[in-house]
Protein backbone atom coordinates (compact mmCIF):
# COMPACT_ATOMS: atom_id res chain seq x y z
CA MET A 1 28.89 138.22 89.12
CA ASP A 2 27.53 141.03 87.48
CA ILE A 3 24.35 140.70 84.77
CA SER A 4 25.12 143.87 83.72
CA ASP A 5 27.87 143.85 81.67
CA ARG A 6 29.46 140.96 80.64
CA THR A 7 29.55 139.65 77.05
CA ILE A 8 28.31 136.15 77.24
CA LEU A 9 28.42 132.95 74.16
CA ILE A 10 26.14 130.02 75.59
CA ALA A 11 26.21 127.49 73.49
CA GLY A 12 23.03 125.87 72.43
CA SER A 13 20.97 128.74 73.00
CA THR A 14 18.48 128.78 70.00
CA SER A 15 14.97 127.38 72.41
CA GLY A 16 14.63 126.06 75.81
CA ILE A 17 16.12 127.07 78.85
CA GLY A 18 19.23 129.17 77.15
CA LEU A 19 17.17 131.38 75.37
CA GLU A 20 15.12 132.42 77.56
CA LEU A 21 18.71 133.07 80.02
CA ALA A 22 20.51 134.49 76.95
CA ARG A 23 16.68 136.64 76.78
CA ARG A 24 18.25 137.76 80.55
CA PHE A 25 21.31 138.85 80.09
CA ARG A 26 20.95 141.46 77.39
CA ALA A 27 17.98 142.40 79.09
CA ALA A 28 20.14 143.12 82.57
CA GLY A 29 22.39 144.70 80.06
CA SER A 30 25.15 142.18 78.88
CA THR A 31 26.01 141.01 75.24
CA VAL A 32 25.22 138.19 74.68
CA VAL A 33 26.04 135.82 71.20
CA VAL A 34 23.77 132.62 70.54
CA GLY A 35 25.63 129.63 69.42
CA GLY A 36 23.95 126.77 67.75
CA ARG A 37 22.74 124.31 64.90
CA ARG A 38 19.51 126.03 63.40
CA ALA A 39 20.43 127.97 60.76
CA ASP A 40 16.86 129.12 60.32
CA LEU A 41 16.93 130.00 63.94
CA LEU A 42 19.79 131.73 64.25
CA ALA A 43 18.47 134.14 61.67
CA GLU A 44 15.32 135.20 63.75
CA LEU A 45 17.57 135.69 66.40
CA ALA A 46 19.91 138.02 64.97
CA ALA A 47 16.99 139.57 63.47
CA GLU A 48 16.00 140.38 67.55
CA GLY A 49 19.38 141.32 67.52
CA PHE A 50 21.34 138.71 69.31
CA ALA A 51 24.91 138.10 68.41
CA THR A 52 24.85 134.69 66.69
CA VAL A 53 27.28 131.88 65.83
CA PRO A 54 26.40 128.14 63.68
CA LEU A 55 28.19 125.90 66.98
CA ASP A 56 27.33 122.20 65.93
CA VAL A 57 29.29 120.79 69.56
CA THR A 58 29.33 117.24 68.30
CA ASP A 59 31.87 118.91 66.19
CA GLN A 60 35.15 119.34 66.57
CA ALA A 61 36.16 122.06 63.24
CA SER A 62 32.48 123.42 64.14
CA VAL A 63 33.51 124.09 68.30
CA ASP A 64 36.99 125.19 66.49
CA ARG A 65 35.08 127.98 63.46
CA ALA A 66 32.49 129.65 66.48
CA ARG A 67 36.23 130.09 69.03
CA ASP A 68 37.59 132.11 65.74
CA THR A 69 34.45 134.22 65.02
CA VAL A 70 33.82 135.08 68.11
CA LEU A 71 37.12 136.06 69.15
CA ALA A 72 37.64 138.08 66.40
CA ASP A 73 34.32 139.52 66.98
CA HIS A 74 34.01 140.02 70.61
CA PRO A 75 37.82 139.63 71.79
CA GLY A 76 36.31 140.72 75.26
CA LEU A 77 33.94 137.40 75.84
CA ASP A 78 34.26 136.65 79.79
CA THR A 79 31.98 134.30 79.33
CA VAL A 80 31.08 130.97 78.91
CA MET A 81 28.07 128.67 78.93
CA THR A 82 27.42 124.87 77.87
CA MET A 83 23.80 124.87 77.40
CA SER A 84 23.68 122.45 74.42
CA GLY A 85 21.96 119.03 75.31
CA VAL A 86 19.59 115.97 74.94
CA MET A 87 18.06 114.04 76.59
CA LEU A 88 16.41 111.02 75.25
CA LEU A 89 15.15 108.08 76.21
CA GLU A 90 16.58 104.66 76.37
CA ASP A 91 15.42 100.61 76.91
CA LEU A 92 18.48 98.85 78.26
CA ARG A 93 17.73 95.56 77.77
CA ASP A 94 17.45 96.45 74.37
CA PRO A 95 21.12 96.50 72.11
CA ALA A 96 19.90 99.09 70.47
CA HIS A 97 20.12 102.38 72.74
CA PHE A 98 23.84 102.35 72.00
CA ASP A 99 22.94 104.86 69.84
CA ALA A 100 21.35 107.33 71.74
CA ALA A 101 23.70 106.55 74.26
CA GLN A 102 26.85 107.26 72.08
CA ARG A 103 24.86 110.46 70.90
CA THR A 104 23.36 111.82 73.98
CA VAL A 105 27.88 111.31 75.53
CA ASP A 106 28.43 112.81 72.28
CA THR A 107 26.31 115.93 72.69
CA ASN A 108 25.93 115.97 76.45
CA LEU A 109 29.46 115.48 78.41
CA LEU A 110 31.98 115.68 75.29
CA GLY A 111 30.47 118.52 73.44
CA THR A 112 30.71 120.67 77.59
CA ILE A 113 34.38 118.93 77.36
CA ARG A 114 34.91 120.42 73.21
CA VAL A 115 33.36 123.98 73.88
CA ILE A 116 35.78 125.03 77.31
CA ASP A 117 38.19 123.69 75.77
CA ALA A 118 38.32 125.59 73.02
CA PHE A 119 37.81 128.72 75.35
CA THR A 120 40.09 128.26 78.01
CA PRO A 121 42.53 129.85 76.62
CA HIS A 122 40.79 133.14 75.88
CA LEU A 123 40.14 132.76 79.74
CA ILE A 124 42.97 132.17 81.45
CA ALA A 125 44.96 134.66 79.13
CA ARG A 126 42.40 137.34 79.85
CA GLY A 127 43.30 136.66 84.16
CA ALA A 128 39.33 136.45 84.64
CA GLY A 129 36.38 135.35 83.15
CA THR A 130 33.52 132.26 83.75
CA ILE A 131 33.02 129.51 83.10
CA ILE A 132 28.99 128.34 83.59
CA THR A 133 28.62 123.75 82.65
CA VAL A 134 24.52 123.03 82.99
CA THR A 135 23.88 120.10 84.26
CA SER A 136 20.71 118.45 86.17
CA GLY A 137 18.86 117.63 89.08
CA ILE A 138 19.09 114.12 87.14
CA ALA A 139 22.76 114.05 88.01
CA PHE A 140 21.96 113.19 91.26
CA LEU A 141 18.59 111.78 91.47
CA PRO A 142 18.71 109.85 88.48
CA PHE A 143 14.82 108.87 86.19
CA PRO A 144 15.89 105.50 84.97
CA PRO A 145 14.06 105.96 81.63
CA MET A 146 16.73 108.73 80.55
CA PRO A 147 20.12 106.25 82.00
CA THR A 148 23.00 107.70 80.11
CA TYR A 149 21.41 112.21 80.13
CA ALA A 150 21.48 111.09 84.19
CA ALA A 151 25.48 109.93 83.55
CA THR A 152 26.12 112.39 81.33
CA LYS A 153 25.14 115.12 83.52
CA ALA A 154 26.74 113.13 86.52
CA GLY A 155 30.19 113.46 84.71
CA VAL A 156 29.13 117.02 83.86
CA HIS A 157 28.93 117.27 87.28
CA ALA A 158 32.18 115.87 88.15
CA TYR A 159 34.28 117.29 85.32
CA SER A 160 33.02 120.94 86.57
CA GLU A 161 34.24 120.08 90.44
CA ALA A 162 37.51 119.28 88.41
CA LEU A 163 37.83 122.35 86.29
CA ARG A 164 37.20 124.30 89.00
CA ALA A 165 40.21 123.16 91.36
CA GLN A 166 42.49 123.58 87.92
CA LEU A 167 41.44 126.83 87.07
CA LEU A 168 41.50 128.09 91.20
CA GLY A 169 43.60 131.20 90.69
CA THR A 170 43.73 131.44 87.17
CA GLY A 171 40.91 134.62 88.19
CA VAL A 172 38.23 132.51 85.69
CA GLU A 173 35.30 131.10 87.87
CA VAL A 174 32.81 127.67 87.55
CA ALA A 175 29.71 127.56 88.17
CA GLU A 176 27.29 124.91 87.42
CA LEU A 177 24.01 125.47 86.43
CA VAL A 178 21.21 122.79 87.45
CA PRO A 179 17.89 122.50 86.38
CA PRO A 180 15.20 120.89 87.97
CA ALA A 181 12.21 120.35 84.78
CA VAL A 182 11.67 123.09 83.46
CA ALA A 183 8.70 123.75 81.20
CA THR A 184 10.45 125.79 78.15
CA THR A 185 6.77 124.54 76.42
CA PRO A 186 3.25 123.92 76.52
CA GLU A 187 3.25 121.29 75.60
CA GLN A 188 5.82 120.26 78.20
CA ALA A 189 3.97 122.03 81.07
CA ARG A 190 0.76 119.75 80.35
CA LEU A 191 2.65 116.74 80.38
CA ASN A 192 4.43 117.56 83.79
CA PRO A 193 2.09 119.76 85.47
CA ARG A 194 5.02 120.22 88.50
CA ALA A 195 7.83 121.67 85.92
CA LEU A 196 8.89 125.18 87.65
CA ASP A 197 7.62 127.65 85.01
CA LEU A 198 10.11 129.04 82.34
CA GLY A 199 10.22 132.16 83.60
CA ASP A 200 10.18 132.07 87.21
CA TYR A 201 13.42 129.71 86.91
CA ALA A 202 15.48 132.37 84.58
CA THR A 203 14.30 134.68 87.47
CA GLU A 204 15.38 132.71 90.56
CA VAL A 205 18.69 131.45 88.61
CA MET A 206 19.21 135.17 87.53
CA ASP A 207 18.53 136.42 90.98
CA LEU A 208 21.56 133.89 92.45
CA LEU A 209 24.36 134.62 90.10
CA GLN A 210 24.33 137.99 90.91
CA ALA A 211 25.39 136.51 95.07
CA ASP A 212 28.68 137.64 95.58
CA PRO A 213 30.91 135.61 95.28
CA THR A 214 28.83 133.61 92.30
CA PRO A 215 28.40 130.57 93.75
CA HIS A 216 29.63 126.99 92.75
CA GLU A 217 26.12 125.73 91.99
CA VAL A 218 23.28 127.94 90.86
CA LEU A 219 20.53 125.44 92.64
CA VAL A 220 16.82 127.19 92.63
CA LYS A 221 15.05 126.27 95.07
CA GLY A 222 12.74 123.01 93.00
CA VAL A 223 16.09 121.29 92.67
CA LEU A 224 17.12 121.52 96.17
CA MET A 225 14.36 117.76 96.51
CA HIS A 226 17.32 116.09 94.07
CA ARG A 227 20.32 117.72 95.03
CA HIS A 228 19.87 116.73 98.60
CA ALA A 229 18.14 113.09 97.76
CA GLU A 230 21.01 111.37 99.74
CA ARG A 231 21.98 113.41 102.59
CA ASP A 232 18.18 113.54 103.43
CA GLY A 233 17.94 109.96 103.14
CA THR A 234 15.14 110.58 100.68
CA TYR A 235 17.21 108.77 97.38
CA ASP A 236 16.52 104.89 97.13
CA GLU A 237 12.06 106.22 97.96
CA LEU A 238 12.36 108.66 95.21
CA VAL A 239 14.14 106.77 93.13
CA ALA A 240 11.63 103.99 93.22
CA GLN A 241 8.73 106.56 92.69
CA ARG A 242 10.13 108.05 89.65
CA SER A 243 11.36 104.36 88.29
CA GLN A 244 7.31 103.77 87.34
CA ALA A 245 7.97 105.97 84.61
CA LEU A 246 10.06 102.87 82.87
CA ALA A 247 6.36 102.43 81.78
CA MET A 248 6.74 105.55 79.06
CA LEU A 249 9.47 102.65 77.26
CA PRO A 250 7.86 101.07 74.64
CA GLY A 251 6.24 97.61 76.04
CA ARG A 252 7.42 98.17 79.43
CA GLN A 253 5.42 98.26 82.51
CA ALA A 254 6.14 100.06 85.53
CA PRO A 255 8.38 97.59 87.91
CA PRO A 256 5.89 97.43 90.98
CA SER A 257 6.23 99.03 94.29
CA ALA A 258 8.24 98.14 97.32
CA SER A 259 6.42 97.04 100.06
């Protein structure tokens, strides 16, 4: 895809990966609309020169208002990226985890569907455009302390595959961004030394997006271990290793390692 002349809405891009990609698209020459819930961050980004729109993906009325605002101000919108998401720890032995599970599903899976539904008719009517969904390496290699996060990202992967099949012939492409762990703050870099540097990750993503045709899955080198674990026969071993992180949960210990 040509990244130099797009008009793109990135839902959930007031910080982290979404904001870094927004800056990269803008630097390449595209018009970027940043969508998010926090008015203070939207104001800062507006001062930086971005177009902004209030957007809460868990609220259908908010999504509808954002759609109407964006299309009124940017009728040439040709790209929509669904970046909004939450990552919450859950102890499945405690039924109190359900609130976190419900919030995760509403944001990560249903929020993605709400945004796609809002803009798909416009993109189909244009006869061209791109939808970029955002999943995770955890969609393919679960991280046991975040079970519903893994489930929702696996769900978005399957939804992306079905969406691509249903939009075939409309001129609307569907690409799936599959991030590994990315250090979006110094604290995250300290807690997870294996996390990719945010700038390095964004550079690799933008290079991959420029391929022709646009890849169905945007896989940086750091996520290939996750994506291909089952194919490579490393899945069970890696899930067992990642299960040691269950010690993060209050009152829990890591499970014994397989002998």
